[in-house]
PDB file of N, CA and C in Angstrom:
ATOM      1  N   UNK A   1      94.492 117.542 105.555  1.00  0.00           N
ATOM      2  CA  UNK A   1      94.956 117.995 106.835  1.00  0.00           C
ATOM      3  C   UNK A   1      96.466 117.798 106.893  1.00  0.00           C
ATOM      4  N   UNK A   2      97.185 118.864 107.232  1.00  0.00           N
ATOM      5  CA  UNK A   2      98.647 118.832 107.265  1.00  0.00           C
ATOM      6  C   UNK A   2      99.114 119.160 108.673  1.00  0.00           C
ATOM      7  N   UNK A   3     100.117 118.390 109.133  1.00  0.00           N
ATOM      8  CA  UNK A   3     100.658 118.581 110.471  1.00  0.00           C
ATOM      9  C   UNK A   3     102.183 118.622 110.392  1.00  0.00           C
ATOM     10  N   UNK A   4     102.800 119.393 111.317  1.00  0.00           N
ATOM     11  CA  UNK A   4     104.244 119.625 111.329  1.00  0.00           C
ATOM     12  C   UNK A   4     104.773 119.384 112.734  1.00  0.00           C
ATOM     13  N   UNK A   5     105.992 118.854 112.822  1.00  0.00           N
ATOM     14  CA  UNK A   5     106.679 118.703 114.092  1.00  0.00           C
ATOM     15  C   UNK A   5     108.147 119.039 113.886  1.00  0.00           C
ATOM     16  N   UNK A   6     108.749 119.709 114.830  1.00  0.00           N
ATOM     17  CA  UNK A   6     110.169 120.018 114.747  1.00  0.00           C
ATOM     18  C   UNK A   6     110.848 119.796 116.078  1.00  0.00           C
ATOM     19  N   UNK A   7     112.005 119.142 116.052  1.00  0.00           N
ATOM     20  CA  UNK A   7     112.808 118.911 117.252  1.00  0.00           C
ATOM     21  C   UNK A   7     114.243 119.218 116.893  1.00  0.00           C
ATOM     22  N   UNK A   8     114.797 120.210 117.547  1.00  0.00           N
ATOM     23  CA  UNK A   8     116.154 120.668 117.262  1.00  0.00           C
ATOM     24  C   UNK A   8     116.266 120.983 115.775  1.00  0.00           C
ATOM     25  N   UNK A   9     117.126 120.318 115.026  1.00  0.00           N
ATOM     26  CA  UNK A   9     117.284 120.603 113.595  1.00  0.00           C
ATOM     27  C   UNK A   9     116.539 119.585 112.734  1.00  0.00           C
ATOM     28  N   UNK A  10     115.680 118.781 113.343  1.00  0.00           N
ATOM     29  CA  UNK A  10     114.918 117.769 112.613  1.00  0.00           C
ATOM     30  C   UNK A  10     113.476 118.244 112.440  1.00  0.00           C
ATOM     31  N   UNK A  11     112.887 117.979 111.273  1.00  0.00           N
ATOM     32  CA  UNK A  11     111.504 118.345 111.034  1.00  0.00           C
ATOM     33  C   UNK A  11     110.751 117.164 110.430  1.00  0.00           C
ATOM     34  N   UNK A  12     109.457 117.145 110.697  1.00  0.00           N
ATOM     35  CA  UNK A  12     108.610 116.047 110.255  1.00  0.00           C
ATOM     36  C   UNK A  12     107.285 116.616 109.764  1.00  0.00           C
ATOM     37  N   UNK A  13     106.767 116.074 108.674  1.00  0.00           N
ATOM     38  CA  UNK A  13     105.493 116.497 108.116  1.00  0.00           C
ATOM     39  C   UNK A  13     104.629 115.275 107.883  1.00  0.00           C
ATOM     40  N   UNK A  14     103.340 115.400 108.161  1.00  0.00           N
ATOM     41  CA  UNK A  14     102.394 114.351 107.807  1.00  0.00           C
ATOM     42  C   UNK A  14     101.158 115.028 107.214  1.00  0.00           C
ATOM     43  N   UNK A  15     100.657 114.457 106.133  1.00  0.00           N
ATOM     44  CA  UNK A  15      99.477 114.974 105.462  1.00  0.00           C
ATOM     45  C   UNK A  15      98.484 113.834 105.310  1.00  0.00           C
ATOM     46  N   UNK A  16      97.232 114.082 105.738  1.00  0.00           N
ATOM     47  CA  UNK A  16      96.180 113.083 105.628  1.00  0.00           C
ATOM     48  C   UNK A  16      95.111 113.566 104.661  1.00  0.00           C
ATOM     49  N   UNK A  17      94.638 112.662 103.812  1.00  0.00           N
ATOM     50  CA  UNK A  17      93.476 112.890 102.960  1.00  0.00           C
ATOM     51  C   UNK A  17      92.410 111.918 103.439  1.00  0.00           C
ATOM     52  N   UNK A  18      91.356 112.460 104.038  1.00  0.00           N
ATOM     53  CA  UNK A  18      90.310 111.628 104.622  1.00  0.00           C
ATOM     54  C   UNK A  18      89.128 111.525 103.672  1.00  0.00           C
ATOM     55  N   UNK A  19      88.716 110.302 103.410  1.00  0.00           N
ATOM     56  CA  UNK A  19      87.546 110.035 102.570  1.00  0.00           C
ATOM     57  C   UNK A  19      86.694 109.023 103.324  1.00  0.00           C
ATOM     58  N   UNK A  20      85.801 109.539 104.167  1.00  0.00           N
ATOM     59  CA  UNK A  20      85.053 108.652 105.058  1.00  0.00           C
ATOM     60  C   UNK A  20      86.014 108.034 106.044  1.00  0.00           C
ATOM     61  N   UNK A  21      86.023 106.706 106.146  1.00  0.00           N
ATOM     62  CA  UNK A  21      86.962 106.046 107.062  1.00  0.00           C
ATOM     63  C   UNK A  21      88.290 105.722 106.380  1.00  0.00           C
ATOM     64  N   UNK A  22      88.360 105.883 105.054  1.00  0.00           N
ATOM     65  CA  UNK A  22      89.576 105.579 104.296  1.00  0.00           C
ATOM     66  C   UNK A  22      90.541 106.760 104.362  1.00  0.00           C
ATOM     67  N   UNK A  23      91.829 106.478 104.591  1.00  0.00           N
ATOM     68  CA  UNK A  23      92.857 107.517 104.733  1.00  0.00           C
ATOM     69  C   UNK A  23      94.022 107.223 103.795  1.00  0.00           C
ATOM     70  N   UNK A  24      94.445 108.238 103.073  1.00  0.00           N
ATOM     71  CA  UNK A  24      95.712 108.183 102.355  1.00  0.00           C
ATOM     72  C   UNK A  24      96.505 109.394 102.811  1.00  0.00           C
ATOM     73  N   UNK A  25      97.772 109.431 102.486  1.00  0.00           N
ATOM     74  CA  UNK A  25      98.559 110.575 102.905  1.00  0.00           C
ATOM     75  C   UNK A  25     100.025 110.420 102.591  1.00  0.00           C
ATOM     76  N   UNK A  26     100.823 111.250 103.267  1.00  0.00           N
ATOM     77  CA  UNK A  26     102.237 111.388 102.985  1.00  0.00           C
ATOM     78  C   UNK A  26     102.943 111.711 104.288  1.00  0.00           C
ATOM     79  N   UNK A  27     104.095 111.114 104.514  1.00  0.00           N
ATOM     80  CA  UNK A  27     104.869 111.363 105.723  1.00  0.00           C
ATOM     81  C   UNK A  27     106.323 111.588 105.338  1.00  0.00           C
ATOM     82  N   UNK A  28     106.935 112.643 105.885  1.00  0.00           N
ATOM     83  CA  UNK A  28     108.349 112.960 105.625  1.00  0.00           C
ATOM     84  C   UNK A  28     109.097 113.107 106.935  1.00  0.00           C
ATOM     85  N   UNK A  29     110.323 112.599 106.958  1.00  0.00           N
ATOM     86  CA  UNK A  29     111.241 112.773 108.078  1.00  0.00           C
ATOM     87  C   UNK A  29     112.484 113.490 107.538  1.00  0.00           C
ATOM     88  N   UNK A  30     112.748 114.670 108.048  1.00  0.00           N
ATOM     89  CA  UNK A  30     113.936 115.433 107.661  1.00  0.00           C
ATOM     90  C   UNK A  30     114.877 115.459 108.860  1.00  0.00           C
ATOM     91  N   UNK A  31     115.748 114.465 108.942  1.00  0.00           N
ATOM     92  CA  UNK A  31     116.740 114.439 110.013  1.00  0.00           C
ATOM     93  C   UNK A  31     117.952 115.250 109.566  1.00  0.00           C
ATOM     94  N   UNK A  32     118.501 116.035 110.464  1.00  0.00           N
ATOM     95  CA  UNK A  32     119.623 116.910 110.159  1.00  0.00           C
ATOM     96  C   UNK A  32     120.794 116.117 109.580  1.00  0.00           C
ATOM     97  N   UNK A  33     121.337 116.598 108.460  1.00  0.00           N
ATOM     98  CA  UNK A  33     122.507 116.026 107.791  1.00  0.00           C
ATOM     99  C   UNK A  33     122.315 114.578 107.303  1.00  0.00           C
ATOM    100  N   UNK A  34     121.088 114.182 107.023  1.00  0.00           N
ATOM    101  CA  UNK A  34     120.830 112.856 106.449  1.00  0.00           C
ATOM    102  C   UNK A  34     119.811 113.004 105.321  1.00  0.00           C
ATOM    103  N   UNK A  35     119.749 112.045 104.416  1.00  0.00           N
ATOM    104  CA  UNK A  35     118.744 112.129 103.343  1.00  0.00           C
ATOM    105  C   UNK A  35     117.322 112.104 103.912  1.00  0.00           C
ATOM    106  N   UNK A  36     116.414 112.737 103.219  1.00  0.00           N
ATOM    107  CA  UNK A  36     115.010 112.776 103.618  1.00  0.00           C
ATOM    108  C   UNK A  36     114.410 111.378 103.487  1.00  0.00           C
ATOM    109  N   UNK A  37     113.638 110.988 104.483  1.00  0.00           N
ATOM    110  CA  UNK A  37     112.877 109.746 104.429  1.00  0.00           C
ATOM    111  C   UNK A  37     111.441 110.151 104.148  1.00  0.00           C
ATOM    112  N   UNK A  38     110.851 109.607 103.083  1.00  0.00           N
ATOM    113  CA  UNK A  38     109.491 110.012 102.734  1.00  0.00           C
ATOM    114  C   UNK A  38     108.726 108.843 102.141  1.00  0.00           C
ATOM    115  N   UNK A  39     107.409 108.929 102.231  1.00  0.00           N
ATOM    116  CA  UNK A  39     106.596 107.871 101.653  1.00  0.00           C
ATOM    117  C   UNK A  39     105.122 108.122 101.819  1.00  0.00           C
ATOM    118  N   UNK A  40     104.327 107.165 101.358  1.00  0.00           N
ATOM    119  CA  UNK A  40     102.881 107.291 101.365  1.00  0.00           C
ATOM    120  C   UNK A  40     102.253 106.463 102.476  1.00  0.00           C
ATOM    121  N   UNK A  41     101.107 106.971 102.937  1.00  0.00           N
ATOM    122  CA  UNK A  41     100.313 106.308 103.953  1.00  0.00           C
ATOM    123  C   UNK A  41      99.019 105.807 103.327  1.00  0.00           C
ATOM    124  N   UNK A  42      98.553 104.667 103.795  1.00  0.00           N
ATOM    125  CA  UNK A  42      97.252 104.175 103.373  1.00  0.00           C
ATOM    126  C   UNK A  42      96.679 103.369 104.513  1.00  0.00           C
ATOM    127  N   UNK A  43      95.460 103.728 104.930  1.00  0.00           N
ATOM    128  CA  UNK A  43      94.872 103.017 106.051  1.00  0.00           C
ATOM    129  C   UNK A  43      93.451 103.406 106.318  1.00  0.00           C
ATOM    130  N   UNK A  44      93.111 103.396 107.619  1.00  0.00           N
ATOM    131  CA  UNK A  44      91.734 103.575 108.026  1.00  0.00           C
ATOM    132  C   UNK A  44      91.649 104.473 109.249  1.00  0.00           C
ATOM    133  N   UNK A  45      90.553 105.220 109.339  1.00  0.00           N
ATOM    134  CA  UNK A  45      90.297 106.063 110.501  1.00  0.00           C
ATOM    135  C   UNK A  45      89.086 105.508 111.232  1.00  0.00           C
ATOM    136  N   UNK A  46      89.272 105.228 112.522  1.00  0.00           N
ATOM    137  CA  UNK A  46      88.175 104.781 113.381  1.00  0.00           C
ATOM    138  C   UNK A  46      88.102 105.743 114.550  1.00  0.00           C
ATOM    139  N   UNK A  47      87.005 106.481 114.639  1.00  0.00           N
ATOM    140  CA  UNK A  47      86.912 107.537 115.645  1.00  0.00           C
ATOM    141  C   UNK A  47      87.945 108.595 115.313  1.00  0.00           C
ATOM    142  N   UNK A  48      88.828 108.904 116.248  1.00  0.00           N
ATOM    143  CA  UNK A  48      89.894 109.874 115.963  1.00  0.00           C
ATOM    144  C   UNK A  48      91.266 109.204 115.822  1.00  0.00           C
ATOM    145  N   UNK A  49      91.289 107.869 115.618  1.00  0.00           N
ATOM    146  CA  UNK A  49      92.550 107.129 115.482  1.00  0.00           C
ATOM    147  C   UNK A  49      92.749 106.703 114.027  1.00  0.00           C
ATOM    148  N   UNK A  50      93.934 107.020 113.500  1.00  0.00           N
ATOM    149  CA  UNK A  50      94.319 106.575 112.163  1.00  0.00           C
ATOM    150  C   UNK A  50      95.356 105.466 112.311  1.00  0.00           C
ATOM    151  N   UNK A  51      95.095 104.343 111.651  1.00  0.00           N
ATOM    152  CA  UNK A  51      96.070 103.244 111.566  1.00  0.00           C
ATOM    153  C   UNK A  51      96.351 103.053 110.091  1.00  0.00           C
ATOM    154  N   UNK A  52      97.640 103.107 109.724  1.00  0.00           N
ATOM    155  CA  UNK A  52      97.991 103.055 108.301  1.00  0.00           C
ATOM    156  C   UNK A  52      99.297 102.316 108.079  1.00  0.00           C
ATOM    157  N   UNK A  53      99.456 101.858 106.851  1.00  0.00           N
ATOM    158  CA  UNK A  53     100.736 101.311 106.421  1.00  0.00           C
ATOM    159  C   UNK A  53     101.496 102.438 105.757  1.00  0.00           C
ATOM    160  N   UNK A  54     102.729 102.634 106.185  1.00  0.00           N
ATOM    161  CA  UNK A  54     103.616 103.687 105.677  1.00  0.00           C
ATOM    162  C   UNK A  54     104.664 103.012 104.809  1.00  0.00           C
ATOM    163  N   UNK A  55     104.600 103.231 103.513  1.00  0.00           N
ATOM    164  CA  UNK A  55     105.584 102.695 102.570  1.00  0.00           C
ATOM    165  C   UNK A  55     106.537 103.832 102.215  1.00  0.00           C
ATOM    166  N   UNK A  56     107.810 103.684 102.568  1.00  0.00           N
ATOM    167  CA  UNK A  56     108.757 104.784 102.412  1.00  0.00           C
ATOM    168  C   UNK A  56     110.040 104.326 101.735  1.00  0.00           C
ATOM    169  N   UNK A  57     110.807 105.316 101.284  1.00  0.00           N
ATOM    170  CA  UNK A  57     112.071 105.081 100.594  1.00  0.00           C
ATOM    171  C   UNK A  57     113.220 105.369 101.544  1.00  0.00           C
ATOM    172  N   UNK A  58     114.161 104.415 101.612  1.00  0.00           N
ATOM    173  CA  UNK A  58     115.332 104.579 102.472  1.00  0.00           C
ATOM    174  C   UNK A  58     116.462 103.744 101.899  1.00  0.00           C
ATOM    175  N   UNK A  59     117.621 104.346 101.784  1.00  0.00           N
ATOM    176  CA  UNK A  59     118.818 103.642 101.297  1.00  0.00           C
ATOM    177  C   UNK A  59     118.584 102.953  99.956  1.00  0.00           C
ATOM    178  N   UNK A  60     117.860 103.636  99.064  1.00  0.00           N
ATOM    179  CA  UNK A  60     117.647 103.113  97.719  1.00  0.00           C
ATOM    180  C   UNK A  60     116.596 102.033  97.603  1.00  0.00           C
ATOM    181  N   UNK A  61     115.900 101.733  98.690  1.00  0.00           N
ATOM    182  CA  UNK A  61     114.869 100.701  98.639  1.00  0.00           C
ATOM    183  C   UNK A  61     113.600 101.142  99.327  1.00  0.00           C
ATOM    184  N   UNK A  62     112.557 100.340  99.188  1.00  0.00           N
ATOM    185  CA  UNK A  62     111.280 100.624  99.811  1.00  0.00           C
ATOM    186  C   UNK A  62     111.112  99.774 101.059  1.00  0.00           C
ATOM    187  N   UNK A  63     110.607 100.392 102.113  1.00  0.00           N
ATOM    188  CA  UNK A  63     110.332  99.697 103.374  1.00  0.00           C
ATOM    189  C   UNK A  63     108.886  99.978 103.772  1.00  0.00           C
ATOM    190  N   UNK A  64     108.342  99.147 104.648  1.00  0.00           N
ATOM    191  CA  UNK A  64     106.965  99.321 105.124  1.00  0.00           C
ATOM    192  C   UNK A  64     106.932  99.292 106.644  1.00  0.00           C
ATOM    193  N   UNK A  65     106.078 100.160 107.196  1.00  0.00           N
ATOM    194  CA  UNK A  65     105.907 100.230 108.643  1.00  0.00           C
ATOM    195  C   UNK A  65     104.450 100.546 108.943  1.00  0.00           C
ATOM    196  N   UNK A  66     103.903  99.915 109.964  1.00  0.00           N
ATOM    197  CA  UNK A  66     102.564 100.248 110.418  1.00  0.00           C
ATOM    198  C   UNK A  66     102.678 101.434 111.370  1.00  0.00           C
ATOM    199  N   UNK A  67     101.878 102.477 111.141  1.00  0.00           N
ATOM    200  CA  UNK A  67     101.920 103.687 111.965  1.00  0.00           C
ATOM    201  C   UNK A  67     100.529 103.969 112.510  1.00  0.00           C
ATOM    202  N   UNK A  68     100.506 104.751 113.587  1.00  0.00           N
ATOM    203  CA  UNK A  68      99.242 105.083 114.230  1.00  0.00           C
ATOM    204  C   UNK A  68      99.296 106.510 114.754  1.00  0.00           C
ATOM    205  N   UNK A  69      98.205 107.246 114.553  1.00  0.00           N
ATOM    206  CA  UNK A  69      98.072 108.627 115.011  1.00  0.00           C
ATOM    207  C   UNK A  69      96.719 108.809 115.686  1.00  0.00           C
ATOM    208  N   UNK A  70      96.660 109.698 116.679  1.00  0.00           N
ATOM    209  CA  UNK A  70      95.394 110.194 117.210  1.00  0.00           C
ATOM    210  C   UNK A  70      95.240 111.609 116.684  1.00  0.00           C
ATOM    211  N   UNK A  71      94.086 111.924 116.105  1.00  0.00           N
ATOM    212  CA  UNK A  71      93.818 113.261 115.575  1.00  0.00           C
ATOM    213  C   UNK A  71      92.992 114.071 116.570  1.00  0.00           C
ATOM    214  N   UNK A  72      93.412 115.314 116.776  1.00  0.00           N
ATOM    215  CA  UNK A  72      92.673 116.277 117.572  1.00  0.00           C
ATOM    216  C   UNK A  72      92.425 117.490 116.667  1.00  0.00           C
ATOM    217  N   UNK A  73      91.714 118.491 117.156  1.00  0.00           N
ATOM    218  CA  UNK A  73      91.407 119.658 116.316  1.00  0.00           C
ATOM    219  C   UNK A  73      92.649 120.348 115.776  1.00  0.00           C
ATOM    220  N   UNK A  74      93.634 120.601 116.610  1.00  0.00           N
ATOM    221  CA  UNK A  74      94.793 121.383 116.190  1.00  0.00           C
ATOM    222  C   UNK A  74      96.100 120.603 116.181  1.00  0.00           C
ATOM    223  N   UNK A  75      96.059 119.326 116.484  1.00  0.00           N
ATOM    224  CA  UNK A  75      97.291 118.548 116.450  1.00  0.00           C
ATOM    225  C   UNK A  75      96.997 117.067 116.255  1.00  0.00           C
ATOM    226  N   UNK A  76      98.040 116.323 115.942  1.00  0.00           N
ATOM    227  CA  UNK A  76      98.002 114.862 115.824  1.00  0.00           C
ATOM    228  C   UNK A  76      99.166 114.321 116.644  1.00  0.00           C
ATOM    229  N   UNK A  77      98.971 113.165 117.255  1.00  0.00           N
ATOM    230  CA  UNK A  77     100.028 112.554 118.063  1.00  0.00           C
ATOM    231  C   UNK A  77     100.312 111.162 117.503  1.00  0.00           C
ATOM    232  N   UNK A  78     101.592 110.917 117.190  1.00  0.00           N
ATOM    233  CA  UNK A  78     101.997 109.640 116.620  1.00  0.00           C
ATOM    234  C   UNK A  78     102.429 108.679 117.725  1.00  0.00           C
ATOM    235  N   UNK A  79     102.045 107.429 117.567  1.00  0.00           N
ATOM    236  CA  UNK A  79     102.475 106.387 118.499  1.00  0.00           C
ATOM    237  C   UNK A  79     103.892 105.971 118.113  1.00  0.00           C
ATOM    238  N   UNK A  80     104.774 105.872 119.095  1.00  0.00           N
ATOM    239  CA  UNK A  80     106.166 105.487 118.852  1.00  0.00           C
ATOM    240  C   UNK A  80     106.572 104.415 119.862  1.00  0.00           C
ATOM    241  N   UNK A  81     107.698 103.782 119.603  1.00  0.00           N
ATOM    242  CA  UNK A  81     108.225 102.764 120.507  1.00  0.00           C
ATOM    243  C   UNK A  81     109.222 101.895 119.767  1.00  0.00           C
ATOM    244  N   UNK A  82     109.577 100.769 120.379  1.00  0.00           N
ATOM    245  CA  UNK A  82     110.510  99.834 119.761  1.00  0.00           C
ATOM    246  C   UNK A  82     109.849  99.179 118.557  1.00  0.00           C
ATOM    247  N   UNK A  83     110.619  99.064 117.466  1.00  0.00           N
ATOM    248  CA  UNK A  83     110.101  98.436 116.253  1.00  0.00           C
ATOM    249  C   UNK A  83     110.503  96.974 116.177  1.00  0.00           C
ATOM    250  N   UNK A  84     109.574  96.177 115.696  1.00  0.00           N
ATOM    251  CA  UNK A  84     109.834  94.778 115.390  1.00  0.00           C
ATOM    252  C   UNK A  84     109.501  94.587 113.918  1.00  0.00           C
ATOM    253  N   UNK A  85     109.880  93.451 113.350  1.00  0.00           N
ATOM    254  CA  UNK A  85     109.602  93.209 111.936  1.00  0.00           C
ATOM    255  C   UNK A  85     109.099  91.792 111.736  1.00  0.00           C
ATOM    256  N   UNK A  86     108.085  91.682 110.877  1.00  0.00           N
ATOM    257  CA  UNK A  86     107.541  90.381 110.517  1.00  0.00           C
ATOM    258  C   UNK A  86     107.051  90.459 109.081  1.00  0.00           C
ATOM    259  N   UNK A  87     107.468  89.485 108.274  1.00  0.00           N
ATOM    260  CA  UNK A  87     107.081  89.432 106.860  1.00  0.00           C
ATOM    261  C   UNK A  87     107.410  90.734 106.113  1.00  0.00           C
ATOM    262  N   UNK A  88     108.531  91.363 106.468  1.00  0.00           N
ATOM    263  CA  UNK A  88     108.979  92.565 105.769  1.00  0.00           C
ATOM    264  C   UNK A  88     108.283  93.845 106.179  1.00  0.00           C
ATOM    265  N   UNK A  89     107.416  93.803 107.198  1.00  0.00           N
ATOM    266  CA  UNK A  89     106.719  95.008 107.665  1.00  0.00           C
ATOM    267  C   UNK A  89     107.111  95.278 109.109  1.00  0.00           C
ATOM    268  N   UNK A  90     107.534  96.515 109.367  1.00  0.00           N
ATOM    269  CA  UNK A  90     107.876  96.921 110.725  1.00  0.00           C
ATOM    270  C   UNK A  90     106.602  97.315 111.465  1.00  0.00           C
ATOM    271  N   UNK A  91     106.563  97.002 112.763  1.00  0.00           N
ATOM    272  CA  UNK A  91     105.428  97.391 113.590  1.00  0.00           C
ATOM    273  C   UNK A  91     105.927  97.670 114.994  1.00  0.00           C
ATOM    274  N   UNK A  92     105.129  98.412 115.747  1.00  0.00           N
ATOM    275  CA  UNK A  92     105.510  98.775 117.102  1.00  0.00           C
ATOM    276  C   UNK A  92     105.274  97.616 118.061  1.00  0.00           C
ATOM    277  N   UNK A  93     106.236  97.425 118.958  1.00  0.00           N
ATOM    278  CA  UNK A  93     106.082  96.455 120.031  1.00  0.00           C
ATOM    279  C   UNK A  93     105.007  97.010 120.972  1.00  0.00           C
ATOM    280  N   UNK A  94     103.879  96.292 121.149  1.00  0.00           N
ATOM    281  CA  UNK A  94     102.792  96.812 121.992  1.00  0.00           C
ATOM    282  C   UNK A  94     103.225  97.134 123.426  1.00  0.00           C
ATOM    283  N   UNK A  95     104.241  96.460 123.935  1.00  0.00           N
ATOM    284  CA  UNK A  95     104.695  96.683 125.311  1.00  0.00           C
ATOM    285  C   UNK A  95     105.375  98.040 125.487  1.00  0.00           C
ATOM    286  N   UNK A  96     105.945  98.592 124.418  1.00  0.00           N
ATOM    287  CA  UNK A  96     106.666  99.869 124.538  1.00  0.00           C
ATOM    288  C   UNK A  96     105.976 101.011 123.807  1.00  0.00           C
ATOM    289  N   UNK A  97     104.934 100.728 123.025  1.00  0.00           N
ATOM    290  CA  UNK A  97     104.303 101.761 122.186  1.00  0.00           C
ATOM    291  C   UNK A  97     103.481 102.743 123.015  1.00  0.00           C
ATOM    292  N   UNK A  98     103.726 104.041 122.759  1.00  0.00           N
ATOM    293  CA  UNK A  98     102.999 105.123 123.438  1.00  0.00           C
ATOM    294  C   UNK A  98     102.823 106.265 122.457  1.00  0.00           C
ATOM    295  N   UNK A  99     101.780 107.042 122.643  1.00  0.00           N
ATOM    296  CA  UNK A  99     101.577 108.245 121.836  1.00  0.00           C
ATOM    297  C   UNK A  99     102.477 109.341 122.394  1.00  0.00           C
ATOM    298  N   UNK A 100     103.539 109.689 121.652  1.00  0.00           N
ATOM    299  CA  UNK A 100     104.522 110.635 122.185  1.00  0.00           C
ATOM    300  C   UNK A 100     104.861 111.796 121.258  1.00  0.00           C
ATOM    301  N   UNK A 101     104.805 111.604 119.945  1.00  0.00           N
ATOM    302  CA  UNK A 101     105.294 112.634 119.013  1.00  0.00           C
ATOM    303  C   UNK A 101     104.146 113.496 118.514  1.00  0.00           C
ATOM    304  N   UNK A 102     104.143 114.765 118.941  1.00  0.00           N
ATOM    305  CA  UNK A 102     103.055 115.684 118.619  1.00  0.00           C
ATOM    306  C   UNK A 102     103.358 116.497 117.369  1.00  0.00           C
ATOM    307  N   UNK A 103     102.394 116.532 116.467  1.00  0.00           N
ATOM    308  CA  UNK A 103     102.446 117.324 115.242  1.00  0.00           C
ATOM    309  C   UNK A 103     101.371 118.404 115.351  1.00  0.00           C
ATOM    310  N   UNK A 104     101.708 119.638 114.974  1.00  0.00           N
ATOM    311  CA  UNK A 104     100.772 120.752 115.021  1.00  0.00           C
ATOM    312  C   UNK A 104     100.163 120.980 113.640  1.00  0.00           C
ATOM    313  N   UNK A 105      98.844 121.227 113.604  1.00  0.00           N
ATOM    314  CA  UNK A 105      98.160 121.481 112.329  1.00  0.00           C
ATOM    315  C   UNK A 105      98.674 122.783 111.720  1.00  0.00           C
ATOM    316  N   UNK A 106      98.937 122.775 110.422  1.00  0.00           N
ATOM    317  CA  UNK A 106      99.364 123.972 109.693  1.00  0.00           C
ATOM    318  C   UNK A 106      98.464 124.152 108.479  1.00  0.00           C
ATOM    319  N   UNK A 107      98.336 125.388 108.010  1.00  0.00           N
ATOM    320  CA  UNK A 107      97.531 125.669 106.833  1.00  0.00           C
ATOM    321  C   UNK A 107      98.267 125.197 105.583  1.00  0.00           C
ATOM    322  N   UNK A 108      97.554 124.543 104.715  1.00  0.00           N
ATOM    323  CA  UNK A 108      98.133 124.083 103.456  1.00  0.00           C
ATOM    324  C   UNK A 108      97.011 123.939 102.446  1.00  0.00           C
ATOM    325  N   UNK A 109      97.218 124.465 101.243  1.00  0.00           N
ATOM    326  CA  UNK A 109      96.181 124.340 100.219  1.00  0.00           C
ATOM    327  C   UNK A 109      96.611 123.402  99.094  1.00  0.00           C
ATOM    328  N   UNK A 110      97.523 122.492  99.388  1.00  0.00           N
ATOM    329  CA  UNK A 110      97.977 121.514  98.395  1.00  0.00           C
ATOM    330  C   UNK A 110      96.884 120.471  98.201  1.00  0.00           C
ATOM    331  N   UNK A 111      96.577 120.173  96.983  1.00  0.00           N
ATOM    332  CA  UNK A 111      95.577 119.160  96.665  1.00  0.00           C
ATOM    333  C   UNK A 111      96.284 117.896  96.189  1.00  0.00           C
ATOM    334  N   UNK A 112      95.768 116.720  96.536  1.00  0.00           N
ATOM    335  CA  UNK A 112      96.410 115.476  96.111  1.00  0.00           C
ATOM    336  C   UNK A 112      96.385 115.325  94.614  1.00  0.00           C
ATOM    337  N   UNK A 113      97.475 114.808  94.043  1.00  0.00           N
ATOM    338  CA  UNK A 113      97.560 114.580  92.603  1.00  0.00           C
ATOM    339  C   UNK A 113      97.191 113.155  92.298  1.00  0.00           C
ATOM    340  N   UNK A 114      97.858 112.223  92.947  1.00  0.00           N
ATOM    341  CA  UNK A 114      97.619 110.830  92.598  1.00  0.00           C
ATOM    342  C   UNK A 114      97.962 109.914  93.764  1.00  0.00           C
ATOM    343  N   UNK A 115      97.360 110.180  94.902  1.00  0.00           N
ATOM    344  CA  UNK A 115      97.638 109.332  96.076  1.00  0.00           C
ATOM    345  C   UNK A 115      96.482 108.371  96.240  1.00  0.00           C
TER     346      UNK A 115
END
């Protein structure tokens, strides 16, 4: 399942590979005039909610962030808010986290190689 979001000159892609409750995938952030931020997702799906660890590349190094999405038939919504960090992993502050960033489902026939 592939989803796309665009705001002004910025674009975002998320791809989920669902195997029962286990989820792997890929997330890209294309911010205008900056290097692409990209990485892999690995987590779990409970009902229509995906919670995953996002390991991505930024400034020559690897970073980790916990991410959350709600899946619907034609779109996915990502939870966003203020980030905090503990033990090298970023996570959303529960007091500010809300489902705000909508991604629209797009057709894609790409098959996973080694995720």
